[in-house]
PDB file of N, CA and C in Angstrom:
ATOM      1  N   MET A   1     130.693  77.213  95.101  1.00  0.00           N
ATOM      2  CA  MET A   1     131.780  77.890  94.064  1.00  0.00           C
ATOM      3  C   MET A   1     132.347  78.759  94.670  1.00  0.00           C
ATOM      4  N   ASN A   2     133.493  79.223  94.249  1.00  0.00           N
ATOM      5  CA  ASN A   2     134.298  80.055  95.005  1.00  0.00           C
ATOM      6  C   ASN A   2     134.088  81.192  94.287  1.00  0.00           C
ATOM      7  N   GLU A   3     133.889  82.268  95.661  1.00  0.00           N
ATOM      8  CA  GLU A   3     133.408  83.412  95.532  1.00  0.00           C
ATOM      9  C   GLU A   3     134.292  84.407  95.550  1.00  0.00           C
ATOM     10  N   HIS A   4     135.554  84.339  95.658  1.00  0.00           N
ATOM     11  CA  HIS A   4     136.561  85.384  95.653  1.00  0.00           C
ATOM     12  C   HIS A   4     136.698  85.956  93.792  1.00  0.00           C
ATOM     13  N   GLU A   5     136.508  87.214  94.323  1.00  0.00           N
ATOM     14  CA  GLU A   5     136.961  87.901  93.172  1.00  0.00           C
ATOM     15  C   GLU A   5     135.781  87.735  91.869  1.00  0.00           C
ATOM     16  N   LYS A   6     134.696  87.327  92.301  1.00  0.00           N
ATOM     17  CA  LYS A   6     133.385  87.328  91.611  1.00  0.00           C
ATOM     18  C   LYS A   6     132.371  88.275  91.906  1.00  0.00           C
ATOM     19  N   ILE A   7     131.912  88.475  90.734  1.00  0.00           N
ATOM     20  CA  ILE A   7     130.797  89.839  90.718  1.00  0.00           C
ATOM     21  C   ILE A   7     129.944  88.992  91.753  1.00  0.00           C
ATOM     22  N   ASN A   8     129.606  90.120  92.496  1.00  0.00           N
ATOM     23  CA  ASN A   8     128.786  89.511  93.933  1.00  0.00           C
ATOM     24  C   ASN A   8     127.430  90.626  94.231  1.00  0.00           C
ATOM     25  N   TYR A   9     127.343  91.626  93.633  1.00  0.00           N
ATOM     26  CA  TYR A   9     126.169  92.448  93.708  1.00  0.00           C
ATOM     27  C   TYR A   9     126.230  93.600  92.866  1.00  0.00           C
ATOM     28  N   VAL A  10     124.985  94.498  92.636  1.00  0.00           N
ATOM     29  CA  VAL A  10     124.947  95.318  91.259  1.00  0.00           C
ATOM     30  C   VAL A  10     124.114  96.556  92.089  1.00  0.00           C
ATOM     31  N   GLU A  11     124.268  97.733  91.662  1.00  0.00           N
ATOM     32  CA  GLU A  11     123.600  98.550  92.215  1.00  0.00           C
ATOM     33  C   GLU A  11     123.178  99.979  91.046  1.00  0.00           C
ATOM     34  N   PHE A  12     122.006 100.000  91.061  1.00  0.00           N
ATOM     35  CA  PHE A  12     121.392 101.029  90.201  1.00  0.00           C
ATOM     36  C   PHE A  12     121.124 102.078  90.614  1.00  0.00           C
ATOM     37  N   PRO A  13     121.109 103.536  89.633  1.00  0.00           N
ATOM     38  CA  PRO A  13     120.345 104.433  90.115  1.00  0.00           C
ATOM     39  C   PRO A  13     118.672 104.514  90.232  1.00  0.00           C
ATOM     40  N   ALA A  14     118.073 105.408  90.804  1.00  0.00           N
ATOM     41  CA  ALA A  14     116.688 105.390  91.065  1.00  0.00           C
ATOM     42  C   ALA A  14     116.114 106.534  91.250  1.00  0.00           C
ATOM     43  N   LYS A  15     115.431 107.634  90.613  1.00  0.00           N
ATOM     44  CA  LYS A  15     114.892 108.687  90.960  1.00  0.00           C
ATOM     45  C   LYS A  15     113.810 108.616  92.076  1.00  0.00           C
ATOM     46  N   ASP A  16     113.037 107.172  91.845  1.00  0.00           N
ATOM     47  CA  ASP A  16     111.735 107.085  92.548  1.00  0.00           C
ATOM     48  C   ASP A  16     112.271 105.644  93.097  1.00  0.00           C
ATOM     49  N   ILE A  17     112.447 105.798  94.478  1.00  0.00           N
ATOM     50  CA  ILE A  17     112.863 104.315  94.845  1.00  0.00           C
ATOM     51  C   ILE A  17     111.493 103.627  95.088  1.00  0.00           C
ATOM     52  N   GLU A  18     110.291 104.024  95.401  1.00  0.00           N
ATOM     53  CA  GLU A  18     108.998 103.425  95.710  1.00  0.00           C
ATOM     54  C   GLU A  18     108.625 102.876  94.142  1.00  0.00           C
ATOM     55  N   ALA A  19     108.776 104.029  93.147  1.00  0.00           N
ATOM     56  CA  ALA A  19     108.390 103.345  92.095  1.00  0.00           C
ATOM     57  C   ALA A  19     108.990 102.316  91.290  1.00  0.00           C
ATOM     58  N   VAL A  20     110.374 102.190  91.700  1.00  0.00           N
ATOM     59  CA  VAL A  20     111.347 100.765  91.050  1.00  0.00           C
ATOM     60  C   VAL A  20     110.440  99.760  91.693  1.00  0.00           C
ATOM     61  N   LYS A  21     110.575  99.966  93.292  1.00  0.00           N
ATOM     62  CA  LYS A  21     110.146  98.588  94.250  1.00  0.00           C
ATOM     63  C   LYS A  21     108.839  98.248  93.627  1.00  0.00           C
ATOM     64  N   THR A  22     107.981  99.107  93.433  1.00  0.00           N
ATOM     65  CA  THR A  22     106.333  98.402  92.834  1.00  0.00           C
ATOM     66  C   THR A  22     106.907  97.972  91.212  1.00  0.00           C
ATOM     67  N   PHE A  23     107.504  98.402  90.782  1.00  0.00           N
ATOM     68  CA  PHE A  23     107.784  97.926  89.307  1.00  0.00           C
ATOM     69  C   PHE A  23     108.110  96.501  89.485  1.00  0.00           C
ATOM     70  N   PHE A  24     109.338  96.440  89.856  1.00  0.00           N
ATOM     71  CA  PHE A  24     110.056  95.240  90.168  1.00  0.00           C
ATOM     72  C   PHE A  24     109.518  93.862  90.936  1.00  0.00           C
ATOM     73  N   GLY A  25     108.547  94.194  91.830  1.00  0.00           N
ATOM     74  CA  GLY A  25     107.543  93.601  92.694  1.00  0.00           C
ATOM     75  C   GLY A  25     106.869  92.939  91.883  1.00  0.00           C
ATOM     76  N   ASP A  26     106.155  94.088  90.879  1.00  0.00           N
ATOM     77  CA  ASP A  26     104.954  93.356  89.950  1.00  0.00           C
ATOM     78  C   ASP A  26     105.295  92.538  88.779  1.00  0.00           C
ATOM     79  N   ALA A  27     106.453  92.736  88.321  1.00  0.00           N
ATOM     80  CA  ALA A  27     107.115  92.534  86.858  1.00  0.00           C
ATOM     81  C   ALA A  27     107.625  91.161  87.625  1.00  0.00           C
ATOM     82  N   PHE A  28     108.519  90.887  88.280  1.00  0.00           N
ATOM     83  CA  PHE A  28     109.080  89.735  88.635  1.00  0.00           C
ATOM     84  C   PHE A  28     108.983  89.039  90.280  1.00  0.00           C
ATOM     85  N   GLY A  29     107.940  89.687  90.812  1.00  0.00           N
ATOM     86  CA  GLY A  29     107.751  89.415  92.255  1.00  0.00           C
ATOM     87  C   GLY A  29     109.101  89.430  92.969  1.00  0.00           C
ATOM     88  N   TRP A  30     109.916  90.625  93.370  1.00  0.00           N
ATOM     89  CA  TRP A  30     110.987  90.673  93.888  1.00  0.00           C
ATOM     90  C   TRP A  30     110.171  91.355  95.047  1.00  0.00           C
ATOM     91  N   SER A  31     111.129  91.345  96.275  1.00  0.00           N
ATOM     92  CA  SER A  31     110.854  91.773  97.796  1.00  0.00           C
ATOM     93  C   SER A  31     112.091  92.830  98.020  1.00  0.00           C
ATOM     94  N   PHE A  32     111.906  94.025  98.783  1.00  0.00           N
ATOM     95  CA  PHE A  32     113.116  94.545  98.899  1.00  0.00           C
ATOM     96  C   PHE A  32     113.102  94.996 100.308  1.00  0.00           C
ATOM     97  N   VAL A  33     114.592  95.204 100.855  1.00  0.00           N
ATOM     98  CA  VAL A  33     114.853  95.555 102.235  1.00  0.00           C
ATOM     99  C   VAL A  33     115.182  97.044 101.958  1.00  0.00           C
ATOM    100  N   ASP A  34     114.371  98.101 102.888  1.00  0.00           N
ATOM    101  CA  ASP A  34     115.006  99.217 102.763  1.00  0.00           C
ATOM    102  C   ASP A  34     115.920  99.475 104.210  1.00  0.00           C
ATOM    103  N   TYR A  35     117.177 100.561 103.641  1.00  0.00           N
ATOM    104  CA  TYR A  35     117.918 101.015 104.487  1.00  0.00           C
ATOM    105  C   TYR A  35     117.983 102.550 104.069  1.00  0.00           C
ATOM    106  N   GLY A  36     117.026 102.958 104.947  1.00  0.00           N
ATOM    107  CA  GLY A  36     117.117 104.539 104.910  1.00  0.00           C
ATOM    108  C   GLY A  36     116.164 104.713 103.884  1.00  0.00           C
ATOM    109  N   PRO A  37     115.747 106.288 103.513  1.00  0.00           N
ATOM    110  CA  PRO A  37     114.749 106.515 102.460  1.00  0.00           C
ATOM    111  C   PRO A  37     115.410 106.424 101.026  1.00  0.00           C
ATOM    112  N   GLU A  38     116.925 106.745 101.213  1.00  0.00           N
ATOM    113  CA  GLU A  38     117.560 106.533  99.861  1.00  0.00           C
ATOM    114  C   GLU A  38     118.200 105.394  99.472  1.00  0.00           C
ATOM    115  N   TYR A  39     117.779 104.359 100.017  1.00  0.00           N
ATOM    116  CA  TYR A  39     118.177 103.161  99.358  1.00  0.00           C
ATOM    117  C   TYR A  39     117.569 101.523  99.532  1.00  0.00           C
ATOM    118  N   THR A  40     117.499 101.055  98.817  1.00  0.00           N
ATOM    119  CA  THR A  40     116.859  99.792  99.066  1.00  0.00           C
ATOM    120  C   THR A  40     117.943  98.588  98.270  1.00  0.00           C
ATOM    121  N   ALA A  41     117.372  97.321  99.107  1.00  0.00           N
ATOM    122  CA  ALA A  41     118.168  96.033  98.335  1.00  0.00           C
ATOM    123  C   ALA A  41     117.206  95.170  98.226  1.00  0.00           C
ATOM    124  N   PHE A  42     117.805  94.352  96.999  1.00  0.00           N
ATOM    125  CA  PHE A  42     116.833  93.041  96.375  1.00  0.00           C
ATOM    126  C   PHE A  42     117.913  92.014  96.871  1.00  0.00           C
ATOM    127  N   SER A  43     117.480  90.939  96.662  1.00  0.00           N
ATOM    128  CA  SER A  43     118.449  89.768  96.857  1.00  0.00           C
ATOM    129  C   SER A  43     117.786  88.461  96.537  1.00  0.00           C
ATOM    130  N   ASN A  44     118.198  87.540  96.144  1.00  0.00           N
ATOM    131  CA  ASN A  44     117.869  86.005  95.582  1.00  0.00           C
ATOM    132  C   ASN A  44     116.948  86.299  94.422  1.00  0.00           C
ATOM    133  N   GLU A  45     117.622  87.185  93.523  1.00  0.00           N
ATOM    134  CA  GLU A  45     117.249  87.356  92.169  1.00  0.00           C
ATOM    135  C   GLU A  45     118.085  86.905  91.005  1.00  0.00           C
ATOM    136  N   GLY A  46     119.041  85.962  91.067  1.00  0.00           N
ATOM    137  CA  GLY A  46     120.173  85.818  90.246  1.00  0.00           C
ATOM    138  C   GLY A  46     121.149  86.408  90.876  1.00  0.00           C
ATOM    139  N   LEU A  47     121.351  87.730  91.246  1.00  0.00           N
ATOM    140  CA  LEU A  47     122.405  88.503  91.759  1.00  0.00           C
ATOM    141  C   LEU A  47     121.857  89.713  92.530  1.00  0.00           C
ATOM    142  N   ASN A  48     122.410  89.561  94.086  1.00  0.00           N
ATOM    143  CA  ASN A  48     121.676  90.452  94.869  1.00  0.00           C
ATOM    144  C   ASN A  48     122.350  91.879  94.234  1.00  0.00           C
ATOM    145  N   GLY A  49     121.619  92.955  94.897  1.00  0.00           N
ATOM    146  CA  GLY A  49     121.762  94.290  94.616  1.00  0.00           C
ATOM    147  C   GLY A  49     120.982  95.022  95.384  1.00  0.00           C
ATOM    148  N   GLY A  50     120.924  96.595  94.894  1.00  0.00           N
ATOM    149  CA  GLY A  50     120.273  97.437  95.560  1.00  0.00           C
ATOM    150  C   GLY A  50     119.855  98.513  94.138  1.00  0.00           C
ATOM    151  N   PHE A  51     119.126  99.800  95.026  1.00  0.00           N
ATOM    152  CA  PHE A  51     118.713 100.947  94.095  1.00  0.00           C
ATOM    153  C   PHE A  51     119.278 101.852  94.885  1.00  0.00           C
ATOM    154  N   TYR A  52     119.727 102.778  94.746  1.00  0.00           N
ATOM    155  CA  TYR A  52     120.143 104.166  95.588  1.00  0.00           C
ATOM    156  C   TYR A  52     119.833 105.110  94.744  1.00  0.00           C
ATOM    157  N   GLN A  53     119.373 106.484  95.464  1.00  0.00           N
ATOM    158  CA  GLN A  53     118.762 107.778  94.907  1.00  0.00           C
ATOM    159  C   GLN A  53     119.450 108.431  93.729  1.00  0.00           C
ATOM    160  N   SER A  54     119.221 108.773  92.800  1.00  0.00           N
ATOM    161  CA  SER A  54     120.067 109.427  92.058  1.00  0.00           C
ATOM    162  C   SER A  54     118.886 110.162  90.743  1.00  0.00           C
ATOM    163  N   GLU A  55     119.263 111.180  90.250  1.00  0.00           N
ATOM    164  CA  GLU A  55     118.394 111.690  89.073  1.00  0.00           C
ATOM    165  C   GLU A  55     119.293 111.039  87.899  1.00  0.00           C
ATOM    166  N   LEU A  56     120.009 110.539  87.821  1.00  0.00           N
ATOM    167  CA  LEU A  56     120.825 109.634  86.550  1.00  0.00           C
ATOM    168  C   LEU A  56     119.974 108.318  86.412  1.00  0.00           C
ATOM    169  N   ALA A  57     120.135 107.780  85.186  1.00  0.00           N
ATOM    170  CA  ALA A  57     119.841 106.255  84.792  1.00  0.00           C
ATOM    171  C   ALA A  57     120.475 105.717  84.123  1.00  0.00           C
ATOM    172  N   ALA A  58     120.800 104.491  83.981  1.00  0.00           N
ATOM    173  CA  ALA A  58     121.896 103.564  83.611  1.00  0.00           C
ATOM    174  C   ALA A  58     121.241 102.762  82.080  1.00  0.00           C
ATOM    175  N   SER A  59     121.997 103.521  80.990  1.00  0.00           N
ATOM    176  CA  SER A  59     121.539 103.416  79.522  1.00  0.00           C
ATOM    177  C   SER A  59     122.890 102.918  78.991  1.00  0.00           C
ATOM    178  N   THR A  60     122.622 101.774  77.759  1.00  0.00           N
ATOM    179  CA  THR A  60     123.812 101.258  77.014  1.00  0.00           C
ATOM    180  C   THR A  60     124.296 102.603  76.151  1.00  0.00           C
ATOM    181  N   VAL A  61     123.230 103.798  76.171  1.00  0.00           N
ATOM    182  CA  VAL A  61     123.174 104.970  74.850  1.00  0.00           C
ATOM    183  C   VAL A  61     124.408 105.755  75.983  1.00  0.00           C
ATOM    184  N   ASN A  62     124.622 105.888  77.365  1.00  0.00           N
ATOM    185  CA  ASN A  62     125.404 106.580  77.883  1.00  0.00           C
ATOM    186  C   ASN A  62     126.571 105.744  78.597  1.00  0.00           C
ATOM    187  N   GLY A  63     126.967 104.686  77.799  1.00  0.00           N
ATOM    188  CA  GLY A  63     127.836 103.827  78.079  1.00  0.00           C
ATOM    189  C   GLY A  63     127.680 102.645  79.606  1.00  0.00           C
ATOM    190  N   GLY A  64     126.513 103.278  80.096  1.00  0.00           N
ATOM    191  CA  GLY A  64     126.501 101.981  81.323  1.00  0.00           C
ATOM    192  C   GLY A  64     126.647 100.205  80.888  1.00  0.00           C
ATOM    193  N   ALA A  65     126.362  99.390  81.689  1.00  0.00           N
ATOM    194  CA  ALA A  65     126.721  98.063  81.868  1.00  0.00           C
ATOM    195  C   ALA A  65     125.250  97.376  81.499  1.00  0.00           C
ATOM    196  N   LEU A  66     125.021  96.643  80.717  1.00  0.00           N
ATOM    197  CA  LEU A  66     123.492  95.902  80.172  1.00  0.00           C
ATOM    198  C   LEU A  66     123.464  94.931  81.112  1.00  0.00           C
ATOM    199  N   ILE A  67     122.484  94.894  81.942  1.00  0.00           N
ATOM    200  CA  ILE A  67     122.004  93.551  82.802  1.00  0.00           C
ATOM    201  C   ILE A  67     121.014  92.891  82.268  1.00  0.00           C
ATOM    202  N   VAL A  68     121.334  91.611  81.836  1.00  0.00           N
ATOM    203  CA  VAL A  68     120.414  90.849  81.007  1.00  0.00           C
ATOM    204  C   VAL A  68     119.769  89.716  81.726  1.00  0.00           C
ATOM    205  N   PHE A  69     118.334  89.589  81.523  1.00  0.00           N
ATOM    206  CA  PHE A  69     117.351  88.530  82.233  1.00  0.00           C
ATOM    207  C   PHE A  69     117.231  87.540  81.128  1.00  0.00           C
ATOM    208  N   TYR A  70     116.973  86.332  81.938  1.00  0.00           N
ATOM    209  CA  TYR A  70     116.972  85.130  80.796  1.00  0.00           C
ATOM    210  C   TYR A  70     114.795  84.807  81.153  1.00  0.00           C
ATOM    211  N   SER A  71     114.494  84.567  80.100  1.00  0.00           N
ATOM    212  CA  SER A  71     113.406  84.133  80.287  1.00  0.00           C
ATOM    213  C   SER A  71     112.831  82.798  79.259  1.00  0.00           C
ATOM    214  N   GLY A  72     111.712  82.235  79.807  1.00  0.00           N
ATOM    215  CA  GLY A  72     111.453  80.925  78.702  1.00  0.00           C
ATOM    216  C   GLY A  72     110.332  80.983  77.883  1.00  0.00           C
ATOM    217  N   ASP A  73     109.787  82.199  78.076  1.00  0.00           N
ATOM    218  CA  ASP A  73     108.807  82.962  77.219  1.00  0.00           C
ATOM    219  C   ASP A  73     108.890  84.257  77.179  1.00  0.00           C
ATOM    220  N   LEU A  74     109.480  85.125  76.033  1.00  0.00           N
ATOM    221  CA  LEU A  74     109.591  86.418  76.024  1.00  0.00           C
ATOM    222  C   LEU A  74     108.161  87.085  75.641  1.00  0.00           C
ATOM    223  N   GLU A  75     107.510  86.758  75.176  1.00  0.00           N
ATOM    224  CA  GLU A  75     106.251  87.115  74.827  1.00  0.00           C
ATOM    225  C   GLU A  75     105.434  87.585  76.176  1.00  0.00           C
ATOM    226  N   LYS A  76     105.519  86.432  77.110  1.00  0.00           N
ATOM    227  CA  LYS A  76     104.986  86.530  78.238  1.00  0.00           C
ATOM    228  C   LYS A  76     105.660  87.834  79.128  1.00  0.00           C
ATOM    229  N   THR A  77     106.907  87.719  79.025  1.00  0.00           N
ATOM    230  CA  THR A  77     107.696  88.816  79.817  1.00  0.00           C
ATOM    231  C   THR A  77     107.456  90.098  79.434  1.00  0.00           C
ATOM    232  N   VAL A  78     107.233  90.599  77.858  1.00  0.00           N
ATOM    233  CA  VAL A  78     106.820  91.339  77.232  1.00  0.00           C
ATOM    234  C   VAL A  78     105.659  92.024  78.172  1.00  0.00           C
ATOM    235  N   LEU A  79     104.714  91.277  78.373  1.00  0.00           N
ATOM    236  CA  LEU A  79     103.423  91.899  78.734  1.00  0.00           C
ATOM    237  C   LEU A  79     103.521  92.104  80.007  1.00  0.00           C
ATOM    238  N   LYS A  80     104.295  91.214  81.018  1.00  0.00           N
ATOM    239  CA  LYS A  80     104.584  91.713  82.370  1.00  0.00           C
ATOM    240  C   LYS A  80     105.055  92.635  82.688  1.00  0.00           C
ATOM    241  N   ILE A  81     106.090  92.981  81.987  1.00  0.00           N
ATOM    242  CA  ILE A  81     106.789  94.270  81.997  1.00  0.00           C
ATOM    243  C   ILE A  81     106.105  95.691  81.839  1.00  0.00           C
ATOM    244  N   GLU A  82     105.284  95.749  80.732  1.00  0.00           N
ATOM    245  CA  GLU A  82     104.326  96.618  80.192  1.00  0.00           C
ATOM    246  C   GLU A  82     103.142  96.743  81.153  1.00  0.00           C
ATOM    247  N   GLY A  83     102.772  95.901  81.789  1.00  0.00           N
ATOM    248  CA  GLY A  83     101.814  95.561  82.742  1.00  0.00           C
ATOM    249  C   GLY A  83     101.791  96.232  83.856  1.00  0.00           C
ATOM    250  N   ALA A  84     103.254  96.135  84.461  1.00  0.00           N
ATOM    251  CA  ALA A  84     103.853  96.861  85.602  1.00  0.00           C
ATOM    252  C   ALA A  84     104.570  97.966  85.308  1.00  0.00           C
ATOM    253  N   GLY A  85     104.147  98.681  84.559  1.00  0.00           N
ATOM    254  CA  GLY A  85     104.659 100.066  83.867  1.00  0.00           C
ATOM    255  C   GLY A  85     106.096 100.457  83.340  1.00  0.00           C
ATOM    256  N   GLY A  86     106.541  99.184  82.805  1.00  0.00           N
ATOM    257  CA  GLY A  86     107.740  99.187  82.515  1.00  0.00           C
ATOM    258  C   GLY A  86     107.544  99.935  80.880  1.00  0.00           C
ATOM    259  N   SER A  87     109.028 100.207  79.859  1.00  0.00           N
ATOM    260  CA  SER A  87     108.559 100.326  78.806  1.00  0.00           C
ATOM    261  C   SER A  87     109.332  99.599  77.799  1.00  0.00           C
ATOM    262  N   ILE A  88     109.175  98.986  76.812  1.00  0.00           N
ATOM    263  CA  ILE A  88     109.749  98.071  75.552  1.00  0.00           C
ATOM    264  C   ILE A  88     110.570  99.164  75.005  1.00  0.00           C
ATOM    265  N   ILE A  89     111.914  99.380  74.736  1.00  0.00           N
ATOM    266  CA  ILE A  89     112.619 100.427  74.383  1.00  0.00           C
ATOM    267  C   ILE A  89     113.236  99.608  72.547  1.00  0.00           C
ATOM    268  N   LYS A  90     113.357  98.226  72.772  1.00  0.00           N
ATOM    269  CA  LYS A  90     113.663  97.695  71.717  1.00  0.00           C
ATOM    270  C   LYS A  90     112.956  96.451  71.890  1.00  0.00           C
ATOM    271  N   PRO A  91     112.206  96.388  70.705  1.00  0.00           N
ATOM    272  CA  PRO A  91     111.093  94.966  70.306  1.00  0.00           C
ATOM    273  C   PRO A  91     111.806  94.007  70.427  1.00  0.00           C
ATOM    274  N   ILE A  92     111.399  92.837  71.090  1.00  0.00           N
ATOM    275  CA  ILE A  92     111.807  91.403  70.418  1.00  0.00           C
ATOM    276  C   ILE A  92     112.688  91.423  69.071  1.00  0.00           C
ATOM    277  N   PHE A  93     113.904  91.187  69.084  1.00  0.00           N
ATOM    278  CA  PHE A  93     114.580  91.108  67.728  1.00  0.00           C
ATOM    279  C   PHE A  93     115.768  89.729  67.871  1.00  0.00           C
ATOM    280  N   SER A  94     115.853  88.930  66.861  1.00  0.00           N
ATOM    281  CA  SER A  94     116.533  87.821  66.707  1.00  0.00           C
ATOM    282  C   SER A  94     118.219  88.166  66.772  1.00  0.00           C
ATOM    283  N   PHE A  95     119.173  87.484  67.492  1.00  0.00           N
ATOM    284  CA  PHE A  95     120.196  87.545  67.335  1.00  0.00           C
ATOM    285  C   PHE A  95     121.077  86.070  67.244  1.00  0.00           C
ATOM    286  N   PRO A  96     122.120  85.818  66.560  1.00  0.00           N
ATOM    287  CA  PRO A  96     122.424  84.322  66.844  1.00  0.00           C
ATOM    288  C   PRO A  96     122.672  83.985  68.241  1.00  0.00           C
ATOM    289  N   GLY A  97     122.000  82.704  68.327  1.00  0.00           N
ATOM    290  CA  GLY A  97     121.984  82.120  69.801  1.00  0.00           C
ATOM    291  C   GLY A  97     120.391  82.631  70.290  1.00  0.00           C
ATOM    292  N   GLY A  98     119.545  82.951  69.588  1.00  0.00           N
ATOM    293  CA  GLY A  98     118.190  83.523  70.521  1.00  0.00           C
ATOM    294  C   GLY A  98     117.481  84.594  70.033  1.00  0.00           C
ATOM    295  N   ARG A  99     116.589  85.158  70.651  1.00  0.00           N
ATOM    296  CA  ARG A  99     116.011  86.444  71.011  1.00  0.00           C
ATOM    297  C   ARG A  99     116.143  87.241  72.075  1.00  0.00           C
ATOM    298  N   ARG A 100     115.898  88.586  71.785  1.00  0.00           N
ATOM    299  CA  ARG A 100     115.864  89.450  73.120  1.00  0.00           C
ATOM    300  C   ARG A 100     115.130  90.791  72.941  1.00  0.00           C
ATOM    301  N   PHE A 101     114.837  91.206  73.762  1.00  0.00           N
ATOM    302  CA  PHE A 101     114.171  92.933  73.653  1.00  0.00           C
ATOM    303  C   PHE A 101     114.790  93.736  74.954  1.00  0.00           C
ATOM    304  N   HIS A 102     114.923  94.722  75.009  1.00  0.00           N
ATOM    305  CA  HIS A 102     115.176  95.561  75.938  1.00  0.00           C
ATOM    306  C   HIS A 102     113.905  96.609  76.518  1.00  0.00           C
ATOM    307  N   PHE A 103     113.958  96.762  77.948  1.00  0.00           N
ATOM    308  CA  PHE A 103     113.218  97.535  78.027  1.00  0.00           C
ATOM    309  C   PHE A 103     113.809  98.683  79.657  1.00  0.00           C
ATOM    310  N   SER A 104     112.781  99.401  79.816  1.00  0.00           N
ATOM    311  CA  SER A 104     113.534 100.271  80.683  1.00  0.00           C
ATOM    312  C   SER A 104     112.449 100.429  82.055  1.00  0.00           C
ATOM    313  N   ASP A 105     112.779 100.413  83.113  1.00  0.00           N
ATOM    314  CA  ASP A 105     112.151 100.498  84.382  1.00  0.00           C
ATOM    315  C   ASP A 105     111.234 101.991  84.415  1.00  0.00           C
ATOM    316  N   PRO A 106     110.408 102.070  85.411  1.00  0.00           N
ATOM    317  CA  PRO A 106     109.753 103.706  85.772  1.00  0.00           C
ATOM    318  C   PRO A 106     111.240 104.791  85.608  1.00  0.00           C
ATOM    319  N   ASN A 107     112.439 104.644  86.280  1.00  0.00           N
ATOM    320  CA  ASN A 107     113.374 105.274  86.449  1.00  0.00           C
ATOM    321  C   ASN A 107     114.214 105.796  85.070  1.00  0.00           C
ATOM    322  N   GLY A 108     113.877 104.656  84.026  1.00  0.00           N
ATOM    323  CA  GLY A 108     114.531 104.830  82.921  1.00  0.00           C
ATOM    324  C   GLY A 108     115.700 104.217  82.838  1.00  0.00           C
ATOM    325  N   ASN A 109     116.057 103.365  83.698  1.00  0.00           N
ATOM    326  CA  ASN A 109     117.203 102.382  83.516  1.00  0.00           C
ATOM    327  C   ASN A 109     116.854 101.272  82.546  1.00  0.00           C
ATOM    328  N   GLU A 110     117.956 100.909  81.933  1.00  0.00           N
ATOM    329  CA  GLU A 110     118.009 100.094  80.399  1.00  0.00           C
ATOM    330  C   GLU A 110     118.356  98.813  80.953  1.00  0.00           C
ATOM    331  N   TYR A 111     117.524  97.499  80.687  1.00  0.00           N
ATOM    332  CA  TYR A 111     117.489  96.155  80.914  1.00  0.00           C
ATOM    333  C   TYR A 111     117.507  95.546  79.261  1.00  0.00           C
ATOM    334  N   ALA A 112     117.912  94.236  79.402  1.00  0.00           N
ATOM    335  CA  ALA A 112     117.263  92.945  78.503  1.00  0.00           C
ATOM    336  C   ALA A 112     116.947  92.255  78.940  1.00  0.00           C
ATOM    337  N   VAL A 113     116.188  91.454  77.871  1.00  0.00           N
ATOM    338  CA  VAL A 113     115.804  90.057  78.366  1.00  0.00           C
ATOM    339  C   VAL A 113     115.907  88.810  77.102  1.00  0.00           C
ATOM    340  N   TRP A 114     116.518  87.982  77.503  1.00  0.00           N
ATOM    341  CA  TRP A 114     117.092  86.909  76.139  1.00  0.00           C
ATOM    342  C   TRP A 114     116.204  85.706  76.597  1.00  0.00           C
ATOM    343  N   SER A 115     116.213  84.965  75.338  1.00  0.00           N
ATOM    344  CA  SER A 115     115.652  83.558  75.639  1.00  0.00           C
ATOM    345  C   SER A 115     116.076  82.785  74.231  1.00  0.00           C
ATOM    346  N   ASP A 116     116.667  81.726  74.531  1.00  0.00           N
ATOM    347  CA  ASP A 116     117.090  80.560  73.413  1.00  0.00           C
ATOM    348  C   ASP A 116     115.941  79.743  73.097  1.00  0.00           C
ATOM    349  N   ILE A 117     114.733  79.840  73.302  1.00  0.00           N
ATOM    350  CA  ILE A 117     113.676  79.414  73.161  1.00  0.00           C
ATOM    351  C   ILE A 117     112.729  80.119  71.944  1.00  0.00           C
ATOM    352  N   SER A 118     112.532  79.266  70.683  1.00  0.00           N
ATOM    353  CA  SER A 118     111.792  80.175  69.699  1.00  0.00           C
ATOM    354  C   SER A 118     110.053  80.089  70.042  1.00  0.00           C
ATOM    355  N   PRO A 119     109.564  81.100  69.507  1.00  0.00           N
ATOM    356  CA  PRO A 119     107.934  80.821  69.500  1.00  0.00           C
ATOM    357  C   PRO A 119     107.740  79.808  68.984  1.00  0.00           C
ATOM    358  N   GLU A 120     106.375  79.053  69.200  1.00  0.00           N
ATOM    359  CA  GLU A 120     105.833  78.002  68.819  1.00  0.00           C
ATOM    360  C   GLU A 120     104.686  78.625  67.785  1.00  0.00           C
TER     361      GLU A 120
END
């Protein structure tokens, strides 16, 4: 695939770098590489990226872009996120083409998870 002028990296704000590393490590098995005390990077998670020290949070309410994960089992993913310390901010709902929910990490950044698989 030609990588020229394609989205290659994403960065998120984080009030607490250690908390976000613990959350994504516990919820999704991510690993990180630290670049000083105010930045950590992740890779091989669908899109490479990082978290930078900031008191702000990314949310659709304030016009932030929404990063959407895919899941083969939304209900299990909800449990993993809650078990790792995340908060469900919009419970599972249907939309044309599937179902999804929104959650926030411990720093308040908003994400969504969707699936085209119906529960049995």
